Protein backbone atom coordinates (compact mmCIF):
# COMPACT_ATOMS: atom_id res chain seq x y z
CA MET A 1 -16.72 74.60 70.01
CA PRO A 2 -13.80 75.14 72.14
CA ARG A 3 -13.27 71.29 72.15
CA VAL A 4 -13.25 70.99 68.46
CA ILE A 5 -10.66 73.63 67.82
CA ALA A 6 -8.48 72.43 70.48
CA ASP A 7 -8.68 68.92 69.06
CA ARG A 8 -5.21 68.00 67.57
CA ARG A 9 -6.69 66.81 64.63
CA VAL A 10 -7.87 70.34 63.87
CA VAL A 11 -5.20 72.45 62.32
CA ALA A 12 -7.13 75.45 61.18
CA VAL A 13 -10.65 76.89 61.23
CA THR A 14 -12.73 78.75 58.84
CA LEU A 15 -16.38 80.14 59.90
CA THR A 16 -19.04 81.72 57.79
CA GLY A 17 -21.36 83.63 60.34
CA SER A 18 -22.06 86.77 62.55
CA GLU A 19 -19.68 89.01 63.71
CA GLY A 20 -19.95 87.66 67.46
CA ALA A 21 -19.58 84.16 66.45
CA GLY A 22 -16.39 85.06 64.42
CA ALA A 23 -14.80 86.85 67.42
CA SER A 24 -15.49 84.07 69.50
CA VAL A 25 -13.98 81.38 67.05
CA ALA A 26 -11.11 83.77 66.34
CA ALA A 27 -10.35 83.98 70.19
CA GLU A 28 -10.31 80.31 70.69
CA ALA A 29 -8.41 79.35 67.77
CA GLY A 30 -5.89 82.14 68.92
CA ARG A 31 -5.37 80.47 72.21
CA GLN A 32 -4.56 77.48 70.41
CA ILE A 33 -2.25 79.03 67.88
CA LYS A 34 -4.26 77.74 64.92
CA PRO A 35 -5.07 80.06 61.75
CA THR A 36 -8.39 81.11 60.69
CA VAL A 37 -10.38 82.40 57.87
CA LEU A 38 -13.55 84.59 58.74
CA GLU A 39 -16.27 85.40 56.34
CA LEU A 40 -18.69 87.47 58.37
CA GLY A 41 -21.66 89.95 57.91
CA GLY A 42 -21.82 92.91 55.78
CA THR A 43 -23.39 96.13 54.89
CA ASP A 44 -22.73 96.10 51.02
CA ALA A 45 -22.76 99.46 49.26
CA PHE A 46 -24.49 99.55 46.07
CA ILE A 47 -23.52 103.13 44.18
CA VAL A 48 -25.58 104.64 41.77
CA LEU A 49 -24.23 107.50 39.51
CA PRO A 50 -25.66 109.63 36.62
CA SER A 51 -24.32 107.66 33.83
CA ALA A 52 -25.86 104.44 34.75
CA ASP A 53 -28.96 102.86 32.96
CA LEU A 54 -31.58 103.22 35.61
CA GLY A 55 -33.73 100.60 34.42
CA ALA A 56 -31.16 97.73 34.53
CA VAL A 57 -29.77 99.25 37.88
CA VAL A 58 -33.00 99.10 39.58
CA THR A 59 -33.81 95.47 38.31
CA ALA A 60 -30.09 94.55 39.85
CA ALA A 61 -30.93 96.50 42.89
CA VAL A 62 -34.21 94.42 43.68
CA ALA A 63 -32.41 91.26 42.84
CA SER A 64 -29.50 91.84 44.95
CA ARG A 65 -31.23 92.86 47.90
CA THR A 66 -33.80 90.14 47.78
CA LEU A 67 -31.57 87.37 47.30
CA ASN A 68 -32.35 84.59 49.53
CA ASN A 69 -35.24 86.62 51.08
CA GLY A 70 -32.54 89.31 52.07
CA GLN A 71 -30.68 86.75 54.24
CA SER A 72 -27.26 86.86 52.59
CA CYS A 73 -23.90 88.53 53.51
CA ILE A 74 -23.56 89.78 50.09
CA ASN A 75 -26.97 91.36 49.60
CA ALA A 76 -26.80 94.95 48.57
CA LYS A 77 -27.82 96.67 51.64
CA ARG A 78 -26.87 100.36 51.50
CA PHE A 79 -27.94 101.99 48.09
CA ILE A 80 -26.07 105.16 47.58
CA VAL A 81 -27.50 107.21 44.81
CA HIS A 82 -26.09 110.49 43.17
CA ARG A 83 -28.60 113.29 43.75
CA GLU A 84 -29.02 113.91 40.10
CA VAL A 85 -30.87 110.62 39.77
CA TYR A 86 -31.75 109.94 43.26
CA ALA A 87 -35.46 110.70 43.07
CA SER A 88 -35.91 108.65 40.02
CA PHE A 89 -34.37 105.59 41.59
CA GLU A 90 -36.24 106.08 44.74
CA GLU A 91 -39.55 106.14 42.92
CA ARG A 92 -38.64 102.95 40.81
CA LEU A 93 -37.24 101.03 43.74
CA VAL A 94 -40.28 101.44 45.91
CA ALA A 95 -42.56 100.73 42.93
CA ALA A 96 -40.41 97.44 42.26
CA PHE A 97 -40.46 96.63 46.13
CA GLU A 98 -44.40 97.05 46.14
CA ALA A 99 -44.83 94.97 43.38
CA LEU A 100 -42.91 91.89 44.99
CA LYS A 101 -45.13 88.87 45.77
CA VAL A 102 -44.40 87.51 49.25
CA GLY A 103 -45.80 83.83 49.92
CA ASP A 104 -45.28 79.99 49.72
CA PRO A 105 -41.97 79.49 48.00
CA MET A 106 -43.35 76.51 46.46
CA THR A 107 -45.65 78.76 44.22
CA ALA A 108 -44.90 81.61 41.95
CA VAL A 109 -43.94 84.18 44.28
CA ASP A 110 -40.85 86.61 44.75
CA LEU A 111 -40.18 86.12 48.16
CA GLY A 112 -40.86 83.47 50.87
CA PRO A 113 -40.71 83.70 54.67
CA LEU A 114 -37.56 84.40 56.68
CA ALA A 115 -35.64 81.62 58.24
CA LEU A 116 -36.43 81.92 61.80
CA GLU A 117 -38.79 84.13 64.26
CA SER A 118 -35.46 85.87 65.79
CA VAL A 119 -34.45 86.90 62.37
CA ARG A 120 -37.95 88.48 61.60
CA ARG A 121 -37.91 89.96 65.22
CA ASP A 122 -34.48 91.34 64.66
CA VAL A 123 -35.17 93.07 61.35
CA ALA A 124 -38.39 94.51 62.55
CA SER A 125 -36.57 96.04 65.43
CA GLN A 126 -33.86 97.26 63.58
CA VAL A 127 -36.58 99.13 61.05
CA THR A 128 -38.37 100.54 64.17
CA ARG A 129 -35.42 101.92 65.69
CA SER A 130 -34.23 103.57 62.53
CA VAL A 131 -37.52 105.25 62.08
CA ASP A 132 -37.35 106.30 65.60
CA ALA A 133 -34.04 107.97 65.06
CA GLY A 134 -35.50 110.02 62.07
CA ALA A 135 -35.44 107.71 59.07
CA ARG A 136 -38.47 107.61 56.64
CA LEU A 137 -40.25 104.35 55.96
CA LEU A 138 -41.39 104.59 52.33
CA THR A 139 -42.84 101.26 52.14
CA GLY A 140 -43.26 97.74 53.83
CA GLY A 141 -40.78 96.92 56.33
CA VAL A 142 -43.22 95.07 58.65
CA ALA A 143 -44.14 91.54 59.71
CA PHE A 144 -47.19 90.08 58.74
CA GLY A 145 -49.32 86.89 58.97
CA GLU A 146 -49.85 84.54 62.02
CA ARG A 147 -48.20 81.46 60.71
CA GLY A 148 -44.67 81.73 59.23
CA TYR A 149 -41.98 84.17 59.63
CA TRP A 150 -43.56 86.48 56.83
CA PHE A 151 -41.98 90.21 56.31
CA ARG A 152 -42.92 92.63 53.94
CA PRO A 153 -40.11 94.02 51.86
CA GLY A 154 -39.18 97.67 52.94
CA VAL A 155 -37.60 100.86 51.85
CA LEU A 156 -35.92 103.43 54.23
CA SER A 157 -34.76 106.78 53.38
CA ALA A 158 -33.35 109.91 54.95
CA ILE A 159 -31.42 107.55 57.47
CA PRO A 160 -29.49 109.42 60.05
CA ARG A 161 -25.86 108.54 60.86
CA GLY A 162 -25.83 105.98 63.67
CA ALA A 163 -29.37 104.39 62.93
CA PRO A 164 -29.50 100.64 62.67
CA ALA A 165 -30.32 100.67 58.86
CA ALA A 166 -26.92 103.07 58.55
CA SER A 167 -24.67 101.00 60.71
CA GLU A 168 -25.80 97.47 61.33
CA GLU A 169 -26.36 94.63 58.81
CA LEU A 170 -29.97 94.21 58.16
CA PHE A 171 -30.71 90.31 57.52
CA GLY A 172 -33.87 90.88 55.76
CA PRO A 173 -35.50 92.25 52.69
CA VAL A 174 -35.10 96.03 53.62
CA ALA A 175 -33.22 98.45 51.45
CA SER A 176 -31.59 101.55 52.97
CA LEU A 177 -31.21 104.66 50.70
CA PHE A 178 -28.73 107.48 51.04
CA ARG A 179 -28.44 110.60 48.76
CA ALA A 180 -24.98 111.59 47.64
CA ASP A 181 -23.92 114.92 46.54
CA ASP A 182 -21.23 113.91 44.29
CA LEU A 183 -18.65 110.90 43.74
CA ASP A 184 -16.58 112.03 46.88
CA ASP A 185 -19.68 111.94 49.01
CA ALA A 186 -20.85 108.50 47.54
CA ILE A 187 -17.36 107.10 48.58
CA ARG A 188 -17.49 108.65 52.14
CA ILE A 189 -20.82 107.31 52.86
CA ALA A 190 -19.85 103.78 51.59
CA ASN A 191 -16.79 103.46 53.70
CA ASP A 192 -18.81 105.15 56.76
CA SER A 193 -19.06 101.39 57.98
CA ASP A 194 -17.45 98.88 60.37
CA TYR A 195 -17.94 96.13 57.55
CA GLY A 196 -16.17 95.83 54.19
CA LEU A 197 -17.43 92.58 52.28
CA GLY A 198 -18.64 93.56 49.01
CA SER A 199 -19.58 96.59 46.97
CA SER A 200 -21.29 97.19 43.55
CA VAL A 201 -20.76 100.26 41.57
CA TRP A 202 -23.01 101.36 38.64
CA THR A 203 -21.40 104.02 36.11
CA HIS A 204 -19.94 104.05 32.80
CA GLU A 205 -17.41 107.02 33.34
CA ALA A 206 -14.00 105.43 33.26
CA GLY A 207 -12.60 108.02 35.74
CA GLU A 208 -15.12 107.00 38.33
CA ILE A 209 -14.39 103.47 37.96
CA ARG A 210 -10.93 103.98 38.56
CA ARG A 211 -11.63 105.89 41.64
CA LEU A 212 -14.23 103.52 43.16
CA VAL A 213 -12.12 100.51 42.60
CA ASP A 214 -9.13 102.04 44.36
CA GLU A 215 -10.90 103.98 47.20
CA LEU A 216 -13.81 101.74 48.35
CA GLU A 217 -12.85 99.88 51.45
CA ALA A 218 -14.43 96.26 50.72
CA GLY A 219 -12.99 92.80 49.65
CA GLN A 220 -14.36 93.25 46.29
CA THR A 221 -15.91 95.81 44.01
CA PHE A 222 -18.18 94.49 41.11
CA VAL A 223 -18.71 97.11 38.15
CA ASN A 224 -21.99 97.37 36.63
CA ALA A 225 -22.88 94.04 38.23
CA MET A 226 -24.28 92.55 41.46
CA VAL A 227 -22.09 91.14 44.06
CA ALA A 228 -21.65 87.53 43.59
CA SER A 229 -19.07 84.46 44.64
CA ASP A 230 -17.55 82.67 42.08
CA PRO A 231 -15.09 79.89 42.47
CA ARG A 232 -12.59 81.48 40.09
CA VAL A 233 -11.92 84.62 42.13
CA PRO A 234 -10.95 85.15 45.82
CA PHE A 235 -13.95 85.99 48.17
CA GLY A 236 -13.81 87.67 51.61
CA GLY A 237 -14.09 90.92 53.29
CA ILE A 238 -12.09 93.53 55.58
CA LYS A 239 -12.91 95.17 58.64
CA LYS A 240 -15.57 93.45 60.74
CA SER A 241 -16.61 91.50 57.77
CA GLY A 242 -13.68 89.17 58.33
CA TYR A 243 -10.28 88.33 57.08
CA GLY A 244 -8.53 85.76 54.81
CA ARG A 245 -10.05 84.54 51.31
CA GLU A 246 -12.28 81.55 50.36
CA LEU A 247 -12.45 80.51 46.55
CA GLY A 248 -9.87 81.23 43.70
CA ARG A 249 -6.12 80.65 44.19
CA PRO A 250 -5.83 82.55 47.53
CA GLY A 251 -8.55 80.34 48.85
CA ILE A 252 -6.93 77.07 47.81
CA ARG A 253 -3.97 78.29 49.58
CA ALA A 254 -5.38 79.66 52.49
CA PHE A 255 -4.63 76.52 54.96
CA VAL A 256 -1.71 75.38 52.87
CA ASN A 257 1.58 75.21 54.59
CA ALA A 258 4.45 77.06 52.80
CA LYS A 259 7.25 74.74 53.47
CA THR A 260 10.76 75.50 52.61
CA VAL A 261 13.07 72.60 51.34
CA TRP A 262 16.79 73.61 51.10
CA MET A 263 18.92 70.97 49.31
CA SER A 264 22.76 71.41 49.51
CA THR A 265 24.70 70.29 46.36
CA LYS A 266 27.94 69.70 48.22
């Protein structure tokens, strides 16, 4: 990598990857005085408030958490649910996860295997360490099978601050549930993260939407929709999720030199 970045033909660097890889690339590019755009990991918040349609929300929650078998930076990972609807949401989410079919992706299933044994090992370890810290494993969350990197979709609740499921990116199909007392508490929990890639909020209250859009610390906030990348709008994060933007007008201009040309008329 250092030789590639140092090459005179390379004038800028962009990376989609892990926090560690991003730090390494940024450090090397900095030594070469070359600009970078980094799109790194995330612990995306998915906030559910009382006015939301729980049926639609749970469907979106499952789809967002299990996209690409849970191996996407913009998967919803931390589900922050208002206390008034928490019990119903938890019950429905657990039932939906238990109904997911895991198997050969060439057949009619919902999830296939994880990409690597190391990915499966890391997710399993994060679940175990979260439970050891006091979290409750409501369903799944375990590796299975002798051939292939199979992992049972899991749901964690009662997660203490600092546990892996609260502070780290779980790159696999495990949902972390948090109960919020009110809107202020939901925003606090969502922002209590070193990452800030995407966020998804579910409410039909205009005042709540305004506050969430203004106060959530993330590169993008989707209202009553799951986070997605779209070439029409900029995409990227803040905090340890990276910096700079891909896609949209800012993405096109990320590596364009703004050159000033001044012509005298004298």
